[in-house]
Protein backbone atom coordinates (compact mmCIF):
# COMPACT_ATOMS: atom_id res chain seq x y z
CA UNK A 1 18.45 4.44 34.89
CA UNK A 2 21.27 6.76 33.84
CA UNK A 3 24.11 4.34 34.43
CA UNK A 4 24.55 1.06 32.71
CA UNK A 5 26.09 -1.90 34.52
CA UNK A 6 29.64 -1.21 33.46
CA UNK A 7 31.06 -4.55 34.53
CA UNK A 8 28.82 -6.26 31.97
CA UNK A 9 28.58 -5.75 28.24
CA UNK A 10 25.20 -6.66 26.78
CA UNK A 11 25.57 -7.19 23.07
CA UNK A 12 22.51 -6.73 20.88
CA UNK A 13 21.24 -7.37 17.39
CA UNK A 14 20.93 -5.08 14.38
CA UNK A 15 20.32 -5.73 10.71
CA UNK A 16 22.25 -3.64 8.20
CA UNK A 17 20.91 -4.00 4.68
CA UNK A 18 23.43 -4.55 1.94
CA UNK A 19 22.94 -3.64 -1.73
CA UNK A 20 22.04 -7.16 -2.81
CA UNK A 21 21.27 -8.92 0.45
CA UNK A 22 20.75 -8.43 4.16
CA UNK A 23 23.02 -9.63 6.91
CA UNK A 24 21.98 -10.21 10.50
CA UNK A 25 24.79 -9.44 12.91
CA UNK A 26 24.04 -10.84 16.30
CA UNK A 27 25.71 -11.53 19.58
CA UNK A 28 27.00 -14.82 20.78
CA UNK A 29 28.38 -13.39 23.99
CA UNK A 30 27.11 -11.98 27.25
CA UNK A 31 30.32 -10.72 28.76
CA UNK A 32 30.37 -11.13 32.52
CA UNK A 33 33.77 -10.46 33.94
CA UNK A 34 34.12 -13.59 36.04
CA UNK A 35 36.67 -16.33 36.43
CA UNK A 36 34.31 -18.72 34.63
CA UNK A 37 34.33 -16.92 31.28
CA UNK A 38 37.12 -16.25 28.84
CA UNK A 39 35.07 -13.56 27.09
CA UNK A 40 36.08 -10.82 29.45
CA UNK A 41 36.77 -7.15 28.91
CA UNK A 42 40.22 -7.77 27.50
CA UNK A 43 38.85 -10.29 25.00
CA UNK A 44 36.08 -7.90 23.97
CA UNK A 45 38.47 -5.15 22.91
CA UNK A 46 40.82 -7.51 21.09
CA UNK A 47 38.24 -9.29 18.94
CA UNK A 48 36.54 -7.42 16.12
CA UNK A 49 33.43 -9.25 14.91
CA UNK A 50 31.88 -10.54 18.13
CA UNK A 51 33.62 -8.04 20.37
CA UNK A 52 34.18 -4.46 19.27
CA UNK A 53 31.73 -4.45 16.37
CA UNK A 54 28.93 -5.91 18.42
CA UNK A 55 29.41 -3.21 21.05
CA UNK A 56 28.57 -0.70 18.34
CA UNK A 57 25.65 -2.76 17.06
CA UNK A 58 24.21 -2.91 20.55
CA UNK A 59 23.83 0.87 20.50
CA UNK A 60 22.28 0.87 17.02
CA UNK A 61 19.86 -1.78 18.23
CA UNK A 62 18.37 0.73 20.69
CA UNK A 63 17.05 2.82 17.79
CA UNK A 64 13.45 1.74 17.27
CA UNK A 65 10.66 3.07 15.10
CA UNK A 66 8.56 3.80 18.16
CA UNK A 67 8.65 3.96 21.95
CA UNK A 68 7.35 0.47 22.53
CA UNK A 69 8.93 -2.89 21.78
CA UNK A 70 11.20 -3.13 18.75
CA UNK A 71 8.68 -5.24 16.85
CA UNK A 72 5.61 -3.55 18.29
CA UNK A 73 2.47 -3.14 16.16
CA UNK A 74 1.84 0.30 17.68
CA UNK A 75 2.46 3.73 16.26
CA UNK A 76 2.33 6.89 18.35
CA UNK A 77 -0.31 7.85 15.77
CA UNK A 78 -2.81 6.01 17.98
CA UNK A 79 -2.39 8.75 20.57
CA UNK A 80 -3.04 11.54 18.04
CA UNK A 81 -5.81 12.59 15.67
CA UNK A 82 -4.26 10.35 12.99
CA UNK A 83 -5.49 7.01 14.31
CA UNK A 84 -7.26 4.93 16.92
CA UNK A 85 -5.75 1.61 17.90
CA UNK A 86 -8.38 -1.06 17.34
CA UNK A 87 -8.01 -2.87 20.67
CA UNK A 88 -8.65 -1.00 23.91
CA UNK A 89 -5.85 -3.01 25.51
CA UNK A 90 -3.21 -1.53 23.19
CA UNK A 91 -0.34 0.10 25.11
CA UNK A 92 -0.56 3.25 23.02
CA UNK A 93 -4.01 3.95 24.52
CA UNK A 94 -2.29 4.66 27.83
CA UNK A 95 -1.45 8.12 26.49
CA UNK A 96 -5.10 9.08 26.08
CA UNK A 97 -7.09 7.19 28.72
CA UNK A 98 -5.91 9.03 31.83
CA UNK A 99 -3.68 6.23 33.12
CA UNK A 100 -0.41 7.96 32.28
CA UNK A 101 1.62 9.06 35.32
CA UNK A 102 5.17 9.21 36.73
CA UNK A 103 4.50 5.88 38.43
CA UNK A 104 3.25 4.40 35.13
CA UNK A 105 5.16 6.26 32.38
CA UNK A 106 4.64 3.40 29.88
CA UNK A 107 7.18 4.52 27.34
CA UNK A 108 10.76 3.25 27.18
CA UNK A 109 12.47 6.48 26.11
CA UNK A 110 14.30 7.20 29.37
CA UNK A 111 15.66 3.70 29.94
CA UNK A 112 16.34 2.98 26.27
CA UNK A 113 18.19 6.24 25.71
CA UNK A 114 20.32 6.28 28.83
CA UNK A 115 21.26 2.63 28.39
CA UNK A 116 22.52 3.43 24.89
CA UNK A 117 24.26 6.63 26.06
CA UNK A 118 26.03 4.74 28.83
CA UNK A 119 27.25 2.17 26.32
CA UNK A 120 28.61 4.94 24.08
CA UNK A 121 30.35 6.69 26.96
CA UNK A 122 31.96 3.43 28.04
CA UNK A 123 33.19 2.61 24.56
CA UNK A 124 34.62 6.09 23.93
CA UNK A 125 36.53 5.95 27.20
CA UNK A 126 37.92 2.49 26.51
CA UNK A 127 38.63 2.96 22.82
CA UNK A 128 42.38 3.12 23.49
CA UNK A 129 42.16 -0.46 24.74
CA UNK A 130 41.10 -1.75 21.34
CA UNK A 131 43.92 -3.75 19.88
CA UNK A 132 43.29 -6.28 17.14
CA UNK A 133 46.91 -6.45 16.02
CA UNK A 134 46.96 -10.20 16.66
CA UNK A 135 44.73 -10.42 13.58
CA UNK A 136 46.99 -8.44 11.27
CA UNK A 137 47.52 -11.39 8.94
CA UNK A 138 43.82 -12.02 8.58
CA UNK A 139 42.54 -11.18 5.10
CA UNK A 140 39.87 -8.88 6.62
CA UNK A 141 42.26 -6.99 8.92
CA UNK A 142 42.48 -3.82 6.80
CA UNK A 143 38.71 -3.75 6.42
CA UNK A 144 38.25 -4.10 10.17
CA UNK A 145 40.67 -1.25 10.85
CA UNK A 146 38.85 0.98 8.36
CA UNK A 147 35.52 0.32 10.07
CA UNK A 148 37.00 0.89 13.53
CA UNK A 149 38.09 4.37 12.49
CA UNK A 150 34.43 5.27 11.91
CA UNK A 151 32.95 3.66 15.02
CA UNK A 152 33.66 6.57 17.43
CA UNK A 153 31.94 9.05 15.11
CA UNK A 154 28.98 6.75 14.54
CA UNK A 155 28.60 6.32 18.28
CA UNK A 156 28.77 10.04 18.92
CA UNK A 157 26.01 10.50 16.35
CA UNK A 158 23.90 7.89 18.13
CA UNK A 159 24.52 9.52 21.50
CA UNK A 160 23.38 12.86 20.07
CA UNK A 161 20.35 11.14 18.54
CA UNK A 162 19.33 9.67 21.90
CA UNK A 163 19.79 13.05 23.56
CA UNK A 164 17.41 14.48 20.97
CA UNK A 165 14.85 11.83 21.91
CA UNK A 166 15.28 12.71 25.59
CA UNK A 167 15.05 16.46 24.93
CA UNK A 168 11.96 15.98 22.76
CA UNK A 169 10.21 13.94 25.42
CA UNK A 170 11.34 15.51 28.70
CA UNK A 171 12.90 18.91 27.96
CA UNK A 172 15.62 19.33 30.59
CA UNK A 173 17.49 16.06 31.19
CA UNK A 174 20.81 15.09 32.77
CA UNK A 175 23.68 15.48 30.33
CA UNK A 176 26.11 12.63 30.85
CA UNK A 177 29.17 12.17 28.64
CA UNK A 178 31.32 10.00 30.92
CA UNK A 179 30.81 6.75 32.78
CA UNK A 180 29.42 7.31 36.27
CA UNK A 181 29.45 5.47 39.53
CA UNK A 182 26.06 4.64 40.99
CA UNK A 183 26.53 7.42 43.51
CA UNK A 184 27.27 9.97 40.80
CA UNK A 185 24.35 8.82 38.69
CA UNK A 186 21.96 9.06 41.62
CA UNK A 187 22.80 12.69 42.33
CA UNK A 188 23.14 14.27 38.89
CA UNK A 189 20.71 17.16 38.21
CA UNK A 190 18.86 17.99 35.01
CA UNK A 191 20.61 20.09 32.36
CA UNK A 192 18.65 22.87 30.64
CA UNK A 193 17.09 22.06 27.29
CA UNK A 194 19.09 24.88 25.66
CA UNK A 195 22.33 23.22 26.74
CA UNK A 196 21.13 19.83 25.54
CA UNK A 197 20.35 21.38 22.16
CA UNK A 198 23.78 23.01 22.03
CA UNK A 199 25.42 19.68 22.82
CA UNK A 200 23.53 17.91 20.02
CA UNK A 201 24.28 20.63 17.47
CA UNK A 202 27.96 20.88 18.44
CA UNK A 203 28.34 17.09 18.23
CA UNK A 204 26.73 16.97 14.79
CA UNK A 205 29.02 19.72 13.53
CA UNK A 206 32.09 18.02 15.00
CA UNK A 207 31.48 14.52 13.66
CA UNK A 208 29.93 15.28 10.25
CA UNK A 209 33.28 15.79 8.41
CA UNK A 210 34.46 12.35 9.51
CA UNK A 211 31.35 10.39 8.53
CA UNK A 212 30.84 9.19 4.93
CA UNK A 213 28.01 10.51 2.80
CA UNK A 214 27.05 6.90 2.07
CA UNK A 215 28.22 3.44 3.08
CA UNK A 216 27.44 1.99 -0.35
CA UNK A 217 31.06 2.63 -1.34
CA UNK A 218 32.57 1.91 2.08
CA UNK A 219 34.10 -1.36 3.29
CA UNK A 220 31.36 -3.96 3.59
CA UNK A 221 28.74 -1.62 2.08
CA UNK A 222 26.73 -1.82 5.32
CA UNK A 223 24.21 0.87 4.47
CA UNK A 224 21.97 1.97 7.29
CA UNK A 225 24.68 3.31 9.54
CA UNK A 226 25.11 6.93 10.59
CA UNK A 227 26.16 9.17 7.71
CA UNK A 228 27.28 12.76 7.34
CA UNK A 229 23.85 13.59 5.93
CA UNK A 230 22.12 11.99 8.93
CA UNK A 231 24.20 14.20 11.23
CA UNK A 232 23.06 17.32 9.35
CA UNK A 233 19.47 16.05 9.48
CA UNK A 234 19.63 15.50 13.24
CA UNK A 235 21.05 19.00 13.70
CA UNK A 236 18.30 20.58 11.58
CA UNK A 237 15.44 18.76 13.28
CA UNK A 238 16.84 19.56 16.73
CA UNK A 239 17.03 23.27 15.90
CA UNK A 240 13.44 23.21 14.57
CA UNK A 241 12.20 21.76 17.85
CA UNK A 242 14.29 24.21 19.85
CA UNK A 243 12.70 27.12 17.93
CA UNK A 244 9.13 25.87 18.44
CA UNK A 245 6.78 27.46 21.00
CA UNK A 246 7.20 24.68 23.61
CA UNK A 247 10.93 25.41 23.86
CA UNK A 248 10.90 29.00 22.62
CA UNK A 249 8.14 30.75 24.57
CA UNK A 250 9.41 34.24 23.70
CA UNK A 251 9.29 33.53 19.96
CA UNK A 252 12.99 34.29 19.48
CA UNK A 253 13.36 34.66 15.69
CA UNK A 254 17.08 33.92 15.85
CA UNK A 255 16.23 30.34 16.84
CA UNK A 256 13.97 30.03 13.81
CA UNK A 257 16.72 31.52 11.63
CA UNK A 258 19.22 28.90 12.81
CA UNK A 259 16.72 26.15 12.03
CA UNK A 260 16.07 27.63 8.57
CA UNK A 261 19.79 27.75 7.79
CA UNK A 262 20.33 24.16 8.93
CA UNK A 263 17.43 22.92 6.78
CA UNK A 264 18.60 25.03 3.82
CA UNK A 265 22.00 23.35 3.96
CA UNK A 266 20.35 19.97 3.44
CA UNK A 267 18.16 21.18 0.58
CA UNK A 268 21.05 22.97 -1.13
CA UNK A 269 23.28 19.90 -1.03
CA UNK A 270 20.68 17.17 -1.56
CA UNK A 271 21.40 16.73 -5.25
CA UNK A 272 25.16 16.31 -4.87
CA UNK A 273 24.53 13.83 -2.06
CA UNK A 274 22.32 11.78 -4.37
CA UNK A 275 19.11 12.65 -2.52
CA UNK A 276 15.89 13.37 -4.36
CA UNK A 277 12.16 13.28 -3.73
CA UNK A 278 10.63 9.96 -4.67
CA UNK A 279 7.15 8.78 -5.50
CA UNK A 280 5.13 8.80 -2.31
CA UNK A 281 4.22 5.11 -2.48
CA UNK A 282 7.88 4.15 -2.83
CA UNK A 283 8.71 5.36 0.66
CA UNK A 284 7.78 1.97 2.06
CA UNK A 285 7.85 -1.58 0.75
CA UNK A 286 10.41 -4.30 0.12
CA UNK A 287 13.03 -2.03 -1.49
CA UNK A 288 12.36 1.19 0.41
CA UNK A 289 15.67 0.98 2.25
CA UNK A 290 17.37 2.02 -0.99
CA UNK A 291 14.95 4.83 -1.78
CA UNK A 292 16.89 7.97 -2.83
CA UNK A 293 14.78 10.12 -0.49
CA UNK A 294 15.77 8.18 2.63
CA UNK A 295 18.42 9.83 4.80
CA UNK A 296 18.34 7.49 7.80
CA UNK A 297 16.03 4.58 8.41
CA UNK A 298 15.65 1.26 10.13
CA UNK A 299 15.79 -1.77 7.89
CA UNK A 300 14.19 -4.92 9.20
CA UNK A 301 14.46 -8.44 7.83
CA UNK A 302 11.65 -10.21 6.03
CA UNK A 303 8.48 -10.60 8.10
CA UNK A 304 4.70 -10.25 7.94
CA UNK A 305 4.26 -9.43 11.63
CA UNK A 306 3.32 -5.84 10.88
CA UNK A 307 0.80 -6.95 8.29
CA UNK A 308 -0.82 -9.40 10.71
CA UNK A 309 -1.10 -6.56 13.22
CA UNK A 310 -2.64 -4.09 10.73
CA UNK A 311 -4.58 -6.03 8.10
CA UNK A 312 -8.36 -5.60 8.58
CA UNK A 313 -10.21 -7.89 10.94
CA UNK A 314 -11.70 -10.67 8.84
CA UNK A 315 -8.46 -11.17 6.93
CA UNK A 316 -6.90 -14.39 8.20
CA UNK A 317 -4.58 -13.81 11.19
CA UNK A 318 -5.27 -10.05 11.14
CA UNK A 319 -5.82 -7.72 14.12
CA UNK A 320 -6.90 -4.34 12.62
CA UNK A 321 -4.14 -2.37 14.36
CA UNK A 322 -3.72 1.35 13.72
CA UNK A 323 -6.98 2.61 12.17
CA UNK A 324 -6.93 6.07 10.50
CA UNK A 325 -9.52 8.49 11.85
CA UNK A 326 -12.11 10.59 10.08
CA UNK A 327 -10.19 13.56 11.50
CA UNK A 328 -7.26 12.57 9.30
CA UNK A 329 -9.42 11.86 6.25
CA UNK A 330 -11.15 15.24 6.67
CA UNK A 331 -7.82 17.02 6.14
CA UNK A 332 -7.08 15.63 2.68
CA UNK A 333 -7.69 18.16 -0.08
CA UNK A 334 -9.26 17.72 -3.49
CA UNK A 335 -7.04 18.08 -6.52
CA UNK A 336 -9.36 20.45 -8.37
CA UNK A 337 -9.43 23.38 -5.94
CA UNK A 338 -7.70 22.52 -2.64
CA UNK A 339 -10.98 22.23 -0.74
CA UNK A 340 -10.73 19.73 2.13
CA UNK A 341 -12.81 16.58 2.47
CA UNK A 342 -14.55 18.14 5.48
CA UNK A 343 -15.30 21.39 3.65
CA UNK A 344 -16.93 19.55 0.78
CA UNK A 345 -18.67 16.92 2.92
CA UNK A 346 -19.59 18.54 6.25
CA UNK A 347 -22.61 16.32 6.98
CA UNK A 348 -23.74 12.76 6.35
CA UNK A 349 -22.67 11.15 3.07
CA UNK A 350 -24.75 8.65 1.13
CA UNK A 351 -22.06 6.39 -0.31
CA UNK A 352 -24.57 4.80 -2.68
CA UNK A 353 -25.24 8.14 -4.37
CA UNK A 354 -21.75 9.60 -4.48
CA UNK A 355 -18.07 8.75 -4.11
CA UNK A 356 -16.72 11.48 -1.83
CA UNK A 357 -13.17 10.16 -2.20
CA UNK A 358 -13.04 10.74 -5.96
CA UNK A 359 -10.43 13.38 -6.80
CA UNK A 360 -8.79 13.45 -3.36
CA UNK A 361 -5.08 14.00 -2.86
CA UNK A 362 -3.38 10.79 -4.15
CA UNK A 363 -1.68 10.44 -0.76
CA UNK A 364 -5.06 9.50 0.71
CA UNK A 365 -5.38 6.28 -1.31
CA UNK A 366 -1.75 5.42 -0.50
CA UNK A 367 -2.33 5.88 3.24
CA UNK A 368 -5.90 4.77 4.01
CA UNK A 369 -8.01 1.70 3.21
CA UNK A 370 -11.69 2.62 2.87
CA UNK A 371 -14.90 0.70 2.42
CA UNK A 372 -14.96 -1.03 -0.97
CA UNK A 373 -11.18 -1.06 -1.53
CA UNK A 374 -9.70 -4.39 -2.60
CA UNK A 375 -7.21 -5.18 0.15
CA UNK A 376 -4.78 -6.80 0.83
CA UNK A 377 -3.37 -6.69 -2.68
CA UNK A 378 -2.02 -10.24 -2.74
CA UNK A 379 -4.01 -12.62 -4.91
CA UNK A 380 -4.56 -15.14 -2.14
CA UNK A 381 -6.42 -12.70 0.15
CA UNK A 382 -7.66 -9.84 -2.05
CA UNK A 383 -11.25 -8.94 -1.26
CA UNK A 384 -13.46 -5.84 -1.24
CA UNK A 385 -13.21 -4.44 2.29
CA UNK A 386 -16.52 -3.94 4.09
CA UNK A 387 -16.39 -1.41 6.93
CA UNK A 388 -20.14 -0.79 7.15
CA UNK A 389 -21.92 -2.11 10.24
CA UNK A 390 -22.35 -5.85 9.82
CA UNK A 391 -19.77 -5.96 7.04
CA UNK A 392 -17.12 -8.64 6.78
CA UNK A 393 -14.43 -6.36 8.24
CA UNK A 394 -16.57 -4.32 10.61
CA UNK A 395 -18.46 -4.22 13.88
CA UNK A 396 -19.86 -6.12 15.62
CA UNK A 397 -16.77 -8.28 15.05
CA UNK A 398 -14.39 -8.00 18.01
CA UNK A 399 -11.34 -5.93 17.10
CA UNK A 400 -12.88 -4.36 14.00
CA UNK A 401 -11.96 -0.81 13.05
CA UNK A 402 -13.42 1.76 15.49
CA UNK A 403 -12.94 4.54 12.92
CA UNK A 404 -14.39 3.24 9.65
CA UNK A 405 -10.97 2.90 8.00
CA UNK A 406 -7.87 0.70 7.95
CA UNK A 407 -4.20 1.49 7.44
CA UNK A 408 -2.40 1.10 4.09
CA UNK A 409 0.77 3.16 4.56
CA UNK A 410 3.74 0.99 5.59
CA UNK A 411 1.57 -2.13 5.28
CA UNK A 412 2.81 -4.39 2.49
CA UNK A 413 -0.31 -5.76 0.84
CA UNK A 414 1.66 -8.43 -0.98
CA UNK A 415 2.26 -10.31 2.29
CA UNK A 416 0.12 -13.42 2.62
CA UNK A 417 -0.92 -14.11 6.24
CA UNK A 418 -2.89 -17.32 5.82
CA UNK A 419 -2.06 -20.28 8.04
CA UNK A 420 -0.44 -21.99 5.08
CA UNK A 421 1.80 -20.56 2.37
CA UNK A 422 2.61 -17.31 4.19
CA UNK A 423 4.90 -14.81 2.50
CA UNK A 424 7.13 -12.14 4.04
CA UNK A 425 8.74 -8.89 2.95
CA UNK A 426 11.40 -6.46 4.18
CA UNK A 427 10.27 -3.33 6.03
CA UNK A 428 11.88 0.06 6.47
CA UNK A 429 10.95 2.60 9.14
CA UNK A 430 11.75 6.19 8.24
CA UNK A 431 13.69 8.31 10.72
CA UNK A 432 14.87 11.09 8.39
CA UNK A 433 13.86 11.67 4.77
CA UNK A 434 14.29 14.58 2.40
CA UNK A 435 10.58 15.44 2.26
CA UNK A 436 10.54 16.28 5.95
CA UNK A 437 13.17 18.97 5.50
CA UNK A 438 11.22 20.84 2.84
CA UNK A 439 8.47 21.13 5.45
CA UNK A 440 10.88 21.91 8.29
CA UNK A 441 12.50 24.58 6.15
CA UNK A 442 9.14 26.12 5.24
CA UNK A 443 8.08 26.32 8.89
CA UNK A 444 11.40 27.79 10.00
CA UNK A 445 11.55 30.37 7.20
CA UNK A 446 7.95 31.46 7.76
CA UNK A 447 8.59 32.04 11.46
CA UNK A 448 12.00 33.64 10.92
CA UNK A 449 10.77 36.13 8.30
CA UNK A 450 7.08 36.45 9.15
CA UNK A 451 5.99 35.64 5.61
CA UNK A 452 5.46 32.56 3.46
CA UNK A 453 6.58 34.54 0.40
CA UNK A 454 9.80 36.04 1.75
CA UNK A 455 12.85 35.01 -0.32
CA UNK A 456 15.52 35.99 2.22
CA UNK A 457 16.80 32.41 2.34
CA UNK A 458 16.40 31.84 -1.41
CA UNK A 459 13.48 29.43 -1.46
CA UNK A 460 10.29 30.86 0.05
CA UNK A 461 8.18 28.84 2.48
CA UNK A 462 5.49 28.38 -0.17
CA UNK A 463 7.99 27.28 -2.78
CA UNK A 464 9.39 24.68 -0.39
CA UNK A 465 5.97 23.20 0.34
CA UNK A 466 5.08 23.23 -3.33
CA UNK A 467 8.13 21.07 -4.10
CA UNK A 468 6.23 18.27 -2.35
CA UNK A 469 2.79 19.08 -3.70
CA UNK A 470 3.89 19.21 -7.34
CA UNK A 471 5.66 15.84 -7.46
CA UNK A 472 4.66 13.92 -10.58
CA UNK A 473 2.60 11.40 -8.61
CA UNK A 474 0.86 13.99 -6.38
CA UNK A 475 0.03 17.13 -8.42
CA UNK A 476 -1.89 19.15 -5.82
CA UNK A 477 -2.78 22.86 -6.07
CA UNK A 478 0.07 25.10 -5.00
CA UNK A 479 0.28 27.01 -1.73
CA UNK A 480 -0.20 30.76 -2.14
CA UNK A 481 -1.46 31.72 1.33
CA UNK A 482 0.28 33.78 3.98
CA UNK A 483 -0.27 34.66 7.62
CA UNK A 484 -2.66 32.64 9.78
CA UNK A 485 -4.21 30.97 6.73
CA UNK A 486 -0.78 29.66 5.79
CA UNK A 487 -0.22 28.22 9.27
CA UNK A 488 -3.53 26.34 9.12
CA UNK A 489 -2.81 24.89 5.71
CA UNK A 490 0.82 24.10 6.56
CA UNK A 491 -0.17 22.13 9.64
CA UNK A 492 -2.64 20.21 7.48
CA UNK A 493 0.00 19.54 4.82
CA UNK A 494 2.47 18.30 7.41
CA UNK A 495 -0.15 15.93 8.81
CA UNK A 496 -0.91 14.51 5.35
CA UNK A 497 2.65 14.23 4.07
CA UNK A 498 4.15 12.73 7.23
CA UNK A 499 1.18 10.62 8.32
CA UNK A 500 2.18 7.60 10.42
CA UNK A 501 5.85 8.57 10.43
CA UNK A 502 5.75 9.43 14.16
CA UNK A 503 5.75 13.20 13.67
CA UNK A 504 2.22 14.26 14.58
CA UNK A 505 2.51 13.18 18.22
CA UNK A 506 5.51 15.49 18.65
CA UNK A 507 4.55 18.29 16.24
CA UNK A 508 1.35 19.14 18.08
CA UNK A 509 3.21 19.13 21.39
CA UNK A 510 5.98 21.44 20.22
CA UNK A 511 3.32 23.77 18.78
CA UNK A 512 1.41 23.59 22.11
CA UNK A 513 -1.82 22.82 20.25
CA UNK A 514 -2.86 19.60 21.96
CA UNK A 515 -6.21 20.96 23.10
CA UNK A 516 -6.99 21.99 19.52
CA UNK A 517 -6.09 18.72 17.83
CA UNK A 518 -6.02 15.90 20.36
CA UNK A 519 -8.80 16.48 22.87
CA UNK A 520 -11.60 15.53 20.46
CA UNK A 521 -11.22 13.40 17.37
CA UNK A 522 -13.72 12.36 14.72
CA UNK A 523 -14.40 8.78 13.64
CA UNK A 524 -16.71 7.48 10.93
CA UNK A 525 -19.60 5.08 11.20
CA UNK A 526 -21.01 3.58 8.02
CA UNK A 527 -24.52 2.17 8.44
CA UNK A 528 -25.58 -1.01 6.69
CA UNK A 529 -27.35 1.13 4.09
CA UNK A 530 -24.02 2.93 3.43
CA UNK A 531 -24.65 6.27 5.10
CA UNK A 532 -21.39 7.68 6.47
CA UNK A 533 -21.68 9.85 9.57
CA UNK A 534 -19.15 11.32 11.96
CA UNK A 535 -19.05 10.98 15.72
CA UNK A 536 -16.76 12.59 18.27
CA UNK A 537 -14.41 10.70 20.56
CA UNK A 538 -13.21 12.63 23.61
CA UNK A 539 -9.74 11.86 24.88
CA UNK A 540 -7.74 12.90 27.89
CA UNK A 541 -5.60 15.96 27.27
CA UNK A 542 -3.78 18.16 29.73
CA UNK A 543 -1.11 20.76 29.01
CA UNK A 544 1.30 18.77 31.16
CA UNK A 545 1.22 16.13 28.39
CA UNK A 546 3.45 18.38 26.28
CA UNK A 547 6.36 16.90 28.21
CA UNK A 548 6.68 13.39 29.58
CA UNK A 549 6.79 12.76 33.32
CA UNK A 550 10.16 11.91 34.75
CA UNK A 551 9.74 8.27 35.86
CA UNK A 552 9.07 8.10 39.56
CA UNK A 553 11.48 5.19 39.90
CA UNK A 554 14.29 7.52 38.74
CA UNK A 555 13.31 10.27 41.17
CA UNK A 556 13.31 7.81 44.06
CA UNK A 557 16.92 6.99 43.22
CA UNK A 558 17.92 10.60 42.56
CA UNK A 559 16.49 13.39 44.70
CA UNK A 560 18.03 15.98 42.36
CA UNK A 561 15.71 15.04 39.50
CA UNK A 562 12.93 17.59 39.58
CA UNK A 563 9.57 16.67 38.02
CA UNK A 564 8.12 18.26 34.89
CA UNK A 565 5.30 20.81 35.42
CA UNK A 566 1.90 19.36 36.31
CA UNK A 567 3.13 15.84 36.99
């Protein structure tokens, strides 16, 4: 629905991580404007902590790491060539089993985004009502006032962020920047994607000067909120998508040039902002929220829910979860000459005679758990993983990996999931990080100039990619290619570097290459005598999948909402 229920304020929960601790800021109010409650609209805008501030937190709380529930075990990777979700009943399988339709859209993007946008619009219109002067003698009053000055800019960033999510999923969507009556909401037409992009970019430019570069030195040190750098990152990613074939069918080079310039601004200023590339394995884990590469992320409190969902079957309380495919493994290159796993091992592999994983890109071992790896890493549960048929973590056990591999990236192996003496850790989900923008820049510059070695923008496309590949902990052969060969290798590099960060699902769509990458995937089967062989899994793919269907429930309410092509 496009409107929220404006006579009710639903206040949500969000955790902001502080430098030395985490604080959970949650609602204690559901503000119905009735004669029975004293927590009415007037109260809301005159009380800081459980009133005004929680209105802002409610919008932040709509930002999830995926399109499912906020604590969901799913990644969109399960609907790509990155992974297969272990259980056929997993919601993510709806994208690839033919059950996806306007009547059953599955995802929550439309509702989640417009609910948050409506909350922002309401707050921005009512901001003049905020008056906490009755608290002027409170010791925290000056701090509250300082935070309130930032709230409108943070909310405008979040509104732009949700419009990016809508644009990415649906293309043309209604652009709403004011509160609407039900009648207005049920008659509003879709706005062109170009205008949505312009709105996002203009908002980012307008609010960036007023947002801090970091909250570490701000009142309360509530890091995790929208920063100036996050606004520039949102602008750059939006322009990259707008320049891509799905939204730029004529190949307008000016769109690529704008994306290149926006990405270049981030790279040029990264150092003075305190950003730098980190070790790959430091991008997740207990302290990842404070990683110097992170631009904007979601910090969650201590838990082992994700580990229980993704530890291998056979590990106590584990459910296998998101299992990397052989298609993904095949794309990792060897450190000696850049040859891919598939190129070197095109047929069956006798794992007793050779170790085909020896010398692979270090990012492989940090992302994938293979047969024989000791996993999880905690002392209470560490064991050599057996993914061969009949093995301890393999078929025919129900829920065992269907691909021959298990997930390591984002999974904290130090978490103990036994019935007794469980341990928990903090988790961080990446939304924007510096490494992405070296890749975004490379793609934009290549398409703007027509060459991976053109220095028009200073750094060439190859030099940008090589910044990632020559990190101390990676040390992979440099890119030197150009033309079509460069495109092939770049798409492989982007898959490897950003694996399981919810990029692949969207990248392949914006490139319009779903039939190439998603229609058939490869999985591995390891026999009980340790012979690894590949088999193909055919999935549903149709070009209409490049854009989501407009939910039928919304079109029933609003006859002016046209449907996306093919749906």
